Each structure stands twice: as C-alpha cells, then as structure tokens.
Amino acid sequence: MTSPAEIRTVRPDDALARRVLREYTDEVASRWYGRPATTAEVDAALAEDPSDELAAPGGTFLVALDAAGEPIGCAGLELAPDGAAGVGEVKRVFVTPAARGTGLGGHLLDAVESFAAGRGVRRVQLDTRHDLVESHRLYEGRGYVRVPAFNGGPYSERWYAKELARTDA
C-alpha cells in the first residue's frame, strides 16, 4: 500500500520537525489537562522532554508531509544504549487530526520498524498513556502486544513491544 504522504528523515531540531512536535505536544498536553494547553504549557513540555535522542546516530525522526509540503505526522526511534543492543524505543508517533484515518500512522510505524531492522534492532517497544486510545488501536492492530513496564516515565501507563522479523536468517 502506498503512503498517503511523503515520509522524510529530518533532525528533531529541523523547522518541519519543530512544527509537528509542537502540534503533537499541544494535543497530548491538552488531553492530559482536559482543556486546551496554553502556549506556556506547551513550551514547558517541549523543554522538559526534548526529542534530541531521536537524532542520528542514536536514533531517527521521521516527518510525514502532505502534497503542499506541510507536516502532517511524525514518528521517531531511539536506539538503545550499547548495554541493550537489539532494542529500540518508538517515540512521538503522531498524525494530525486532518490526516487521521488515511493509514498514515501505520506507514510511519512501518518506516520506523524498517529503520530499526536495518540497524540490527530485533525488538521495538514503546509506552503510552491510557487515554490515548487511538494509539492503542494502532499499535495493537500492527502487532504490538502489551508488556510489563520497562520504564518509569511520569506519563507512561501502558507498555507495548513487537518482535521484528529477522532479515539475517
């Protein structure tokens, strides 16, 4: 199936990345607060949890662009430190409201998993919140299974993992 958008690798500090990360942060913060997040709250959340770990060589950050070149989604992967070779953590999976229902989330996950497999990652994992029900459906529909907690993040309430197909066999 063809992706409904161009998916491009960019640095997390790239202008396109900053735009889509701001929209992502605004949405998840607004859901957390139960009201629209203020600009100051979004700024604080971005400063508190930057996406620097998604830059090469320790990871990757993907931005999906519509036909006009506007960012409509993103996904990242953080490669585990040397002590946990073969594991990668999926982060910042997001599709803008206007692009939802197009299959873009699945395409972003495919691209992240392909990147991971190409770097010897055998297992990808992620955490999410209980209220992000759309993400639960996406992950479970793409073969991710719930696993015990693997981190103690302040917003981590559900943990998922997926074993990647081996390409070296």
C-alpha atoms as a PDB file:
ATOM      1  CA  MET A   1       0.000   0.000   0.000  1.00  0.00           C
ATOM      2  CA  THR A   2       1.302   3.434  -0.897  1.00  0.00           C
ATOM      3  CA  SER A   3       1.741   6.012   1.827  1.00  0.00           C
ATOM      4  CA  PRO A   4      -0.681   8.955   1.704  1.00  0.00           C
ATOM      5  CA  ALA A   5       2.274  11.275   2.348  1.00  0.00           C
ATOM      6  CA  GLU A   6       5.971  11.716   1.720  1.00  0.00           C
ATOM      7  CA  ILE A   7       7.917  10.447   4.726  1.00  0.00           C
ATOM      8  CA  ARG A   8      11.218  12.212   5.228  1.00  0.00           C
ATOM      9  CA  THR A   9      14.011  11.760   7.771  1.00  0.00           C
ATOM     10  CA  VAL A  10      14.866  15.038   9.491  1.00  0.00           C
ATOM     11  CA  ARG A  11      16.706  16.137  12.602  1.00  0.00           C
ATOM     12  CA  PRO A  12      14.403  16.786  15.575  1.00  0.00           C
ATOM     13  CA  ASP A  13      15.550  20.433  15.575  1.00  0.00           C
ATOM     14  CA  ASP A  14      14.609  20.923  11.890  1.00  0.00           C
ATOM     15  CA  ALA A  15      11.864  23.504  11.296  1.00  0.00           C
ATOM     16  CA  LEU A  16       9.427  20.856   9.987  1.00  0.00           C
ATOM     17  CA  ALA A  17      10.107  18.650  12.990  1.00  0.00           C
ATOM     18  CA  ARG A  18       9.651  21.508  15.432  1.00  0.00           C
ATOM     19  CA  ARG A  19       6.272  22.345  13.878  1.00  0.00           C
ATOM     20  CA  VAL A  20       4.856  18.830  14.059  1.00  0.00           C
ATOM     21  CA  LEU A  21       6.359  18.191  17.503  1.00  0.00           C
ATOM     22  CA  ARG A  22       4.665  21.350  18.762  1.00  0.00           C
ATOM     23  CA  GLU A  23       1.305  20.161  17.414  1.00  0.00           C
ATOM     24  CA  TYR A  24       1.887  16.700  18.932  1.00  0.00           C
ATOM     25  CA  THR A  25       2.811  18.200  22.308  1.00  0.00           C
ATOM     26  CA  ASP A  26      -0.146  20.574  22.233  1.00  0.00           C
ATOM     27  CA  GLU A  27      -2.539  17.685  21.638  1.00  0.00           C
ATOM     28  CA  VAL A  28      -1.158  15.313  24.265  1.00  0.00           C
ATOM     29  CA  ALA A  29      -0.831  18.107  26.847  1.00  0.00           C
ATOM     30  CA  SER A  30      -4.380  19.291  26.144  1.00  0.00           C
ATOM     31  CA  ARG A  31      -5.709  15.781  26.646  1.00  0.00           C
ATOM     32  CA  TRP A  32      -3.706  15.487  29.868  1.00  0.00           C
ATOM     33  CA  TYR A  33      -5.090  18.748  31.241  1.00  0.00           C
ATOM     34  CA  GLY A  34      -8.612  18.138  29.938  1.00  0.00           C
ATOM     35  CA  ARG A  35      -8.587  21.575  28.316  1.00  0.00           C
ATOM     36  CA  PRO A  36      -6.551  23.385  25.655  1.00  0.00           C
ATOM     37  CA  ALA A  37      -2.944  23.673  26.791  1.00  0.00           C
ATOM     38  CA  THR A  38      -1.544  27.180  26.977  1.00  0.00           C
ATOM     39  CA  THR A  39       1.434  28.260  24.909  1.00  0.00           C
ATOM     40  CA  ALA A  40       3.500  28.371  28.097  1.00  0.00           C
ATOM     41  CA  GLU A  41       2.482  24.796  28.995  1.00  0.00           C
ATOM     42  CA  VAL A  42       3.404  23.526  25.530  1.00  0.00           C
ATOM     43  CA  ASP A  43       6.726  25.393  25.693  1.00  0.00           C
ATOM     44  CA  ALA A  44       7.442  23.894  29.114  1.00  0.00           C
ATOM     45  CA  ALA A  45       6.578  20.368  27.943  1.00  0.00           C
ATOM     46  CA  LEU A  46       8.845  20.704  24.912  1.00  0.00           C
ATOM     47  CA  ALA A  47      11.679  21.967  27.109  1.00  0.00           C
ATOM     48  CA  GLU A  48      11.117  19.242  29.731  1.00  0.00           C
ATOM     49  CA  ASP A  49      11.131  16.387  27.227  1.00  0.00           C
ATOM     50  CA  PRO A  50      13.109  17.357  24.126  1.00  0.00           C
ATOM     51  CA  SER A  51      13.484  14.915  21.247  1.00  0.00           C
ATOM     52  CA  ASP A  52      17.282  15.144  20.980  1.00  0.00           C
ATOM     53  CA  GLU A  53      17.647  11.371  21.417  1.00  0.00           C
ATOM     54  CA  LEU A  54      15.915  10.918  18.060  1.00  0.00           C
ATOM     55  CA  ALA A  55      18.821  12.435  16.118  1.00  0.00           C
ATOM     56  CA  ALA A  56      21.461  10.313  14.413  1.00  0.00           C
ATOM     57  CA  PRO A  57      23.444   8.365  15.362  1.00  0.00           C
ATOM     58  CA  GLY A  58      21.320   7.398  18.386  1.00  0.00           C
ATOM     59  CA  GLY A  59      18.002   7.374  16.575  1.00  0.00           C
ATOM     60  CA  THR A  60      15.905   8.760  13.785  1.00  0.00           C
ATOM     61  CA  PHE A  61      12.998  11.141  13.395  1.00  0.00           C
ATOM     62  CA  LEU A  62      10.536  10.908  10.522  1.00  0.00           C
ATOM     63  CA  VAL A  63       8.127  13.590   9.369  1.00  0.00           C
ATOM     64  CA  ALA A  64       5.215  12.935   7.023  1.00  0.00           C
ATOM     65  CA  LEU A  65       4.457  15.728   4.576  1.00  0.00           C
ATOM     66  CA  ASP A  66       1.301  16.359   2.584  1.00  0.00           C
ATOM     67  CA  ALA A  67       1.311  17.348  -1.103  1.00  0.00           C
ATOM     68  CA  ALA A  68       1.888  21.001  -0.151  1.00  0.00           C
ATOM     69  CA  GLY A  69       4.922  20.087   1.969  1.00  0.00           C
ATOM     70  CA  GLU A  70       3.151  20.655   5.288  1.00  0.00           C
ATOM     71  CA  PRO A  71       3.947  18.304   8.189  1.00  0.00           C
ATOM     72  CA  ILE A  72       1.017  16.001   8.959  1.00  0.00           C
ATOM     73  CA  GLY A  73       2.637  13.349  11.111  1.00  0.00           C
ATOM     74  CA  CYS A  74       5.778  12.064  12.743  1.00  0.00           C
ATOM     75  CA  ALA A  75       7.434   9.110  14.421  1.00  0.00           C
ATOM     76  CA  GLY A  76      10.805   8.531  15.969  1.00  0.00           C
ATOM     77  CA  LEU A  77      13.041   5.753  17.158  1.00  0.00           C
ATOM     78  CA  GLU A  78      15.624   5.862  19.895  1.00  0.00           C
ATOM     79  CA  LEU A  79      18.247   3.161  19.610  1.00  0.00           C
ATOM     80  CA  ALA A  80      19.062   1.565  22.945  1.00  0.00           C
ATOM     81  CA  PRO A  81      22.415   2.306  24.504  1.00  0.00           C
ATOM     82  CA  ASP A  82      25.168  -0.274  23.992  1.00  0.00           C
ATOM     83  CA  GLY A  83      24.050  -2.258  27.006  1.00  0.00           C
ATOM     84  CA  ALA A  84      20.722  -3.183  25.402  1.00  0.00           C
ATOM     85  CA  ALA A  85      21.701  -3.987  21.822  1.00  0.00           C
ATOM     86  CA  GLY A  86      18.866  -5.154  19.644  1.00  0.00           C
ATOM     87  CA  VAL A  87      16.183  -2.967  21.266  1.00  0.00           C
ATOM     88  CA  GLY A  88      14.737   0.321  20.039  1.00  0.00           C
ATOM     89  CA  GLU A  89      12.099   2.579  21.527  1.00  0.00           C
ATOM     90  CA  VAL A  90       9.389   4.056  19.299  1.00  0.00           C
ATOM     91  CA  LYS A  91       8.525   7.622  20.269  1.00  0.00           C
ATOM     92  CA  ARG A  92       6.430  10.594  19.188  1.00  0.00           C
ATOM     93  CA  VAL A  93       4.038   8.726  16.877  1.00  0.00           C
ATOM     94  CA  PHE A  94       1.504  11.323  15.781  1.00  0.00           C
ATOM     95  CA  VAL A  95      -0.833  12.054  12.899  1.00  0.00           C
ATOM     96  CA  THR A  96      -2.558  15.419  12.662  1.00  0.00           C
ATOM     97  CA  PRO A  97      -6.351  15.318  13.010  1.00  0.00           C
ATOM     98  CA  ALA A  98      -6.869  16.198   9.325  1.00  0.00           C
ATOM     99  CA  ALA A  99      -4.734  13.227   8.209  1.00  0.00           C
ATOM    100  CA  ARG A 100      -6.203  10.611  10.538  1.00  0.00           C
ATOM    101  CA  GLY A 101      -7.978   7.658   9.006  1.00  0.00           C
ATOM    102  CA  THR A 102      -5.668   7.600   5.976  1.00  0.00           C
ATOM    103  CA  GLY A 103      -3.371   4.817   7.162  1.00  0.00           C
ATOM    104  CA  LEU A 104      -0.538   7.261   7.763  1.00  0.00           C
ATOM    105  CA  GLY A 105       0.097   6.053  11.324  1.00  0.00           C
ATOM    106  CA  GLY A 106       0.724   2.537  10.019  1.00  0.00           C
ATOM    107  CA  HIS A 107       3.042   3.836   7.317  1.00  0.00           C
ATOM    108  CA  LEU A 108       5.029   5.784   9.891  1.00  0.00           C
ATOM    109  CA  LEU A 109       5.345   2.671  12.059  1.00  0.00           C
ATOM    110  CA  ASP A 110       6.438   0.634   9.021  1.00  0.00           C
ATOM    111  CA  ALA A 111       9.131   3.208   8.251  1.00  0.00           C
ATOM    112  CA  VAL A 112      10.388   3.283  11.862  1.00  0.00           C
ATOM    113  CA  GLU A 113      10.428  -0.519  12.033  1.00  0.00           C
ATOM    114  CA  SER A 114      12.296  -0.728   8.720  1.00  0.00           C
ATOM    115  CA  PHE A 115      14.892   1.736  10.007  1.00  0.00           C
ATOM    116  CA  ALA A 116      15.191  -0.279  13.225  1.00  0.00           C
ATOM    117  CA  ALA A 117      15.586  -3.620  11.463  1.00  0.00           C
ATOM    118  CA  GLY A 118      18.275  -2.119   9.236  1.00  0.00           C
ATOM    119  CA  ARG A 119      20.279  -1.305  12.355  1.00  0.00           C
ATOM    120  CA  GLY A 120      20.029  -4.733  13.925  1.00  0.00           C
ATOM    121  CA  VAL A 121      17.098  -3.972  16.215  1.00  0.00           C
ATOM    122  CA  ARG A 122      15.150  -7.138  16.947  1.00  0.00           C
ATOM    123  CA  ARG A 123      12.553  -5.689  19.320  1.00  0.00           C
ATOM    124  CA  VAL A 124      10.830  -2.329  19.328  1.00  0.00           C
ATOM    125  CA  GLN A 125       8.975  -1.112  22.362  1.00  0.00           C
ATOM    126  CA  LEU A 126       7.022   1.953  23.391  1.00  0.00           C
ATOM    127  CA  ASP A 127       4.998   3.447  26.166  1.00  0.00           C
ATOM    128  CA  THR A 128       1.826   5.455  26.018  1.00  0.00           C
ATOM    129  CA  ARG A 129      -0.901   6.835  28.227  1.00  0.00           C
ATOM    130  CA  HIS A 130      -4.197   5.122  28.994  1.00  0.00           C
ATOM    131  CA  ASP A 131      -6.242   7.966  27.447  1.00  0.00           C
ATOM    132  CA  LEU A 132      -4.588   7.831  24.027  1.00  0.00           C
ATOM    133  CA  VAL A 133      -6.990   5.140  22.838  1.00  0.00           C
ATOM    134  CA  GLU A 134      -6.356   5.753  19.137  1.00  0.00           C
ATOM    135  CA  SER A 135      -2.725   4.848  19.675  1.00  0.00           C
ATOM    136  CA  HIS A 136      -3.689   1.623  21.469  1.00  0.00           C
ATOM    137  CA  ARG A 137      -5.759   0.564  18.438  1.00  0.00           C
ATOM    138  CA  LEU A 138      -2.942   1.469  16.056  1.00  0.00           C
ATOM    139  CA  TYR A 139      -0.261  -0.429  17.975  1.00  0.00           C
ATOM    140  CA  GLU A 140      -2.385  -3.497  18.644  1.00  0.00           C
ATOM    141  CA  GLY A 141      -3.523  -3.564  15.024  1.00  0.00           C
ATOM    142  CA  ARG A 142       0.122  -3.528  13.903  1.00  0.00           C
ATOM    143  CA  GLY A 143       1.176  -6.492  16.023  1.00  0.00           C
ATOM    144  CA  TYR A 144       2.339  -4.770  19.199  1.00  0.00           C
ATOM    145  CA  VAL A 145       1.494  -6.605  22.401  1.00  0.00           C
ATOM    146  CA  ARG A 146       1.199  -5.276  25.923  1.00  0.00           C
ATOM    147  CA  VAL A 147       4.211  -5.990  28.090  1.00  0.00           C
ATOM    148  CA  PRO A 148       5.219  -5.251  31.680  1.00  0.00           C
ATOM    149  CA  ALA A 149       6.518  -1.764  32.412  1.00  0.00           C
ATOM    150  CA  PHE A 150      10.051  -1.219  31.147  1.00  0.00           C
ATOM    151  CA  ASN A 151      10.414   2.370  32.350  1.00  0.00           C
ATOM    152  CA  GLY A 152       9.046   4.683  34.992  1.00  0.00           C
ATOM    153  CA  GLY A 153       8.151   7.684  32.846  1.00  0.00           C
ATOM    154  CA  PRO A 154       5.780  10.139  34.509  1.00  0.00           C
ATOM    155  CA  TYR A 155       3.208   9.700  31.720  1.00  0.00           C
ATOM    156  CA  SER A 156       3.828   6.024  30.996  1.00  0.00           C
ATOM    157  CA  GLU A 157       0.738   3.953  31.717  1.00  0.00           C
ATOM    158  CA  ARG A 158       0.794   1.241  29.033  1.00  0.00           C
ATOM    159  CA  TRP A 159       3.766  -0.519  27.505  1.00  0.00           C
ATOM    160  CA  TYR A 160       3.924  -2.354  24.184  1.00  0.00           C
ATOM    161  CA  ALA A 161       6.546  -4.318  22.271  1.00  0.00           C
ATOM    162  CA  LYS A 162       6.912  -6.010  18.905  1.00  0.00           C
ATOM    163  CA  GLU A 163       9.462  -8.530  17.750  1.00  0.00           C
ATOM    164  CA  LEU A 164      10.775  -7.605  14.305  1.00  0.00           C
ATOM    165  CA  ALA A 165      11.236 -10.179  11.585  1.00  0.00           C
ATOM    166  CA  ARG A 166      14.858 -11.250  11.259  1.00  0.00           C
ATOM    167  CA  THR A 167      16.440 -10.367   7.954  1.00  0.00           C
ATOM    168  CA  ASP A 168      19.790 -12.111   8.551  1.00  0.00           C
ATOM    169  CA  ALA A 169      18.477 -15.685   8.636  1.00  0.00           C
END
